[in-house]
Protein backbone atom coordinates (compact mmCIF):
# COMPACT_ATOMS: atom_id res chain seq x y z
CA MET A 1 23.61 -20.98 -7.69
CA THR A 2 21.96 -18.06 -5.92
CA GLN A 3 22.68 -17.35 -2.29
CA LYS A 4 19.79 -17.78 0.17
CA ALA A 5 18.32 -14.43 1.26
CA ALA A 6 16.12 -13.45 4.20
CA ILE A 7 14.44 -10.07 4.29
CA GLY A 8 12.19 -8.87 7.08
CA LEU A 9 9.67 -6.07 6.68
CA LEU A 10 8.33 -3.89 9.46
CA TYR A 11 4.83 -2.42 9.18
CA ASP A 12 3.62 0.04 11.81
CA GLY A 13 0.12 0.39 10.37
CA LYS A 14 0.70 3.99 9.31
CA ASN A 15 3.63 4.14 6.91
CA ALA A 16 4.61 1.88 4.06
CA PRO A 17 6.36 -1.31 5.17
CA SER A 18 10.13 -0.93 5.34
CA VAL A 19 13.08 -3.30 5.35
CA SER A 20 13.94 -4.05 9.00
CA VAL A 21 16.45 -6.85 8.52
CA LYS A 22 18.17 -8.62 5.67
CA GLY A 23 20.91 -11.14 5.30
CA PHE A 24 22.39 -13.62 2.88
CA GLY A 25 23.85 -17.11 3.16
CA VAL A 26 24.56 -18.12 6.76
CA LEU A 27 23.11 -14.86 8.11
CA ALA A 28 19.88 -15.58 6.20
CA GLU A 29 19.68 -19.00 7.87
CA GLU A 30 20.14 -17.34 11.29
CA ILE A 31 17.43 -14.77 10.54
CA LEU A 32 15.01 -17.50 9.49
CA ALA A 33 15.79 -19.62 12.56
CA LEU A 34 15.18 -16.64 14.86
CA ALA A 35 11.96 -15.76 13.04
CA LYS A 36 10.69 -19.34 13.48
CA GLU A 37 11.70 -19.29 17.15
CA LYS A 38 9.71 -16.05 17.63
CA ASN A 39 6.70 -17.46 15.67
CA ILE A 40 7.08 -14.80 12.99
CA LEU A 41 5.29 -15.83 9.82
CA ILE A 42 7.59 -16.51 6.88
CA HIS A 43 6.61 -16.11 3.24
CA GLN A 44 8.88 -17.61 0.62
CA ASP A 45 8.72 -16.05 -2.84
CA GLU A 46 11.93 -15.91 -4.83
CA GLY A 47 10.62 -13.29 -7.28
CA LEU A 48 9.43 -10.97 -4.54
CA SER A 49 12.64 -11.54 -2.60
CA ASP A 50 14.72 -10.63 -5.66
CA VAL A 51 13.04 -7.21 -5.72
CA ILE A 52 13.01 -6.52 -1.99
CA LYS A 53 16.61 -7.59 -1.36
CA GLN A 54 17.75 -4.65 -3.51
CA LEU A 55 16.35 -2.23 -0.91
CA GLU A 56 18.48 -0.80 1.88
CA LEU A 57 17.74 -1.27 5.58
CA GLY A 58 15.08 1.20 6.66
CA GLN A 59 13.96 1.84 3.09
CA GLU A 60 10.22 1.66 2.39
CA ILE A 61 8.95 -0.78 -0.20
CA PRO A 62 8.24 0.79 -3.60
CA ARG A 63 4.68 1.77 -4.46
CA GLU A 64 4.56 -1.01 -7.06
CA LEU A 65 4.67 -3.60 -4.24
CA TYR A 66 1.95 -2.07 -2.03
CA LEU A 67 -0.82 -4.38 -3.22
CA ILE A 68 1.09 -7.67 -2.91
CA ILE A 69 2.59 -6.75 0.46
CA ALA A 70 -0.82 -5.54 1.74
CA GLU A 71 -2.32 -8.89 0.72
CA LEU A 72 0.43 -10.79 2.54
CA ILE A 73 0.04 -8.68 5.69
CA ALA A 74 -3.74 -9.10 5.64
CA PHE A 75 -3.40 -12.85 5.14
CA SER A 76 -0.88 -13.11 7.99
CA TYR A 77 -3.32 -11.30 10.29
CA VAL A 78 -6.14 -13.68 9.37
CA LEU A 79 -3.86 -16.69 9.96
CA GLN A 80 -3.23 -15.34 13.44
CA GLY A 81 -6.95 -14.81 14.05
CA LYS A 82 -6.60 -11.03 13.99
CA TYR A 83 -8.92 -8.71 12.10
CA PRO A 84 -8.97 -4.96 11.55
CA PRO A 85 -11.87 -3.11 13.23
CA GLY A 86 -15.16 -4.12 11.62
CA TRP A 87 -13.78 -7.22 9.86
CA GLN A 88 -14.79 -9.63 12.63
CA GLN A 89 -18.44 -8.62 12.23
CA LEU A 90 -18.16 -9.06 8.47
CA SER A 91 -16.51 -12.48 8.80
CA ASN A 92 -19.27 -13.58 11.19
CA LYS A 93 -21.90 -12.52 8.63
CA LEU A 94 -20.05 -14.45 5.90
CA ASN A 95 -19.54 -17.47 8.21
CA ILE A 96 -15.76 -17.35 7.81
CA GLN A 97 -13.95 -19.37 10.44
CA ALA A 98 -10.78 -17.75 11.80
């Protein structure tokens, strides 16, 4: 049985996302509880987690993960009703409801 893992990424909008927090077992449960309390979006993907949990704290994600992480970040912004500059006008033209 694999131990539960929680890995948090930090993205500043300029550099590649990096590992900001990670924990396993009981610590993972505490990280997830705190994230929920702070309304931080949580994405559960065992395969992605298996790759990211090998990274050290502060380490940037590998280039091979840029696309999937970018898609997750973009989706999380949309879920929060946030759009990069120019996207709101595009979504209005496409009749996308945020």
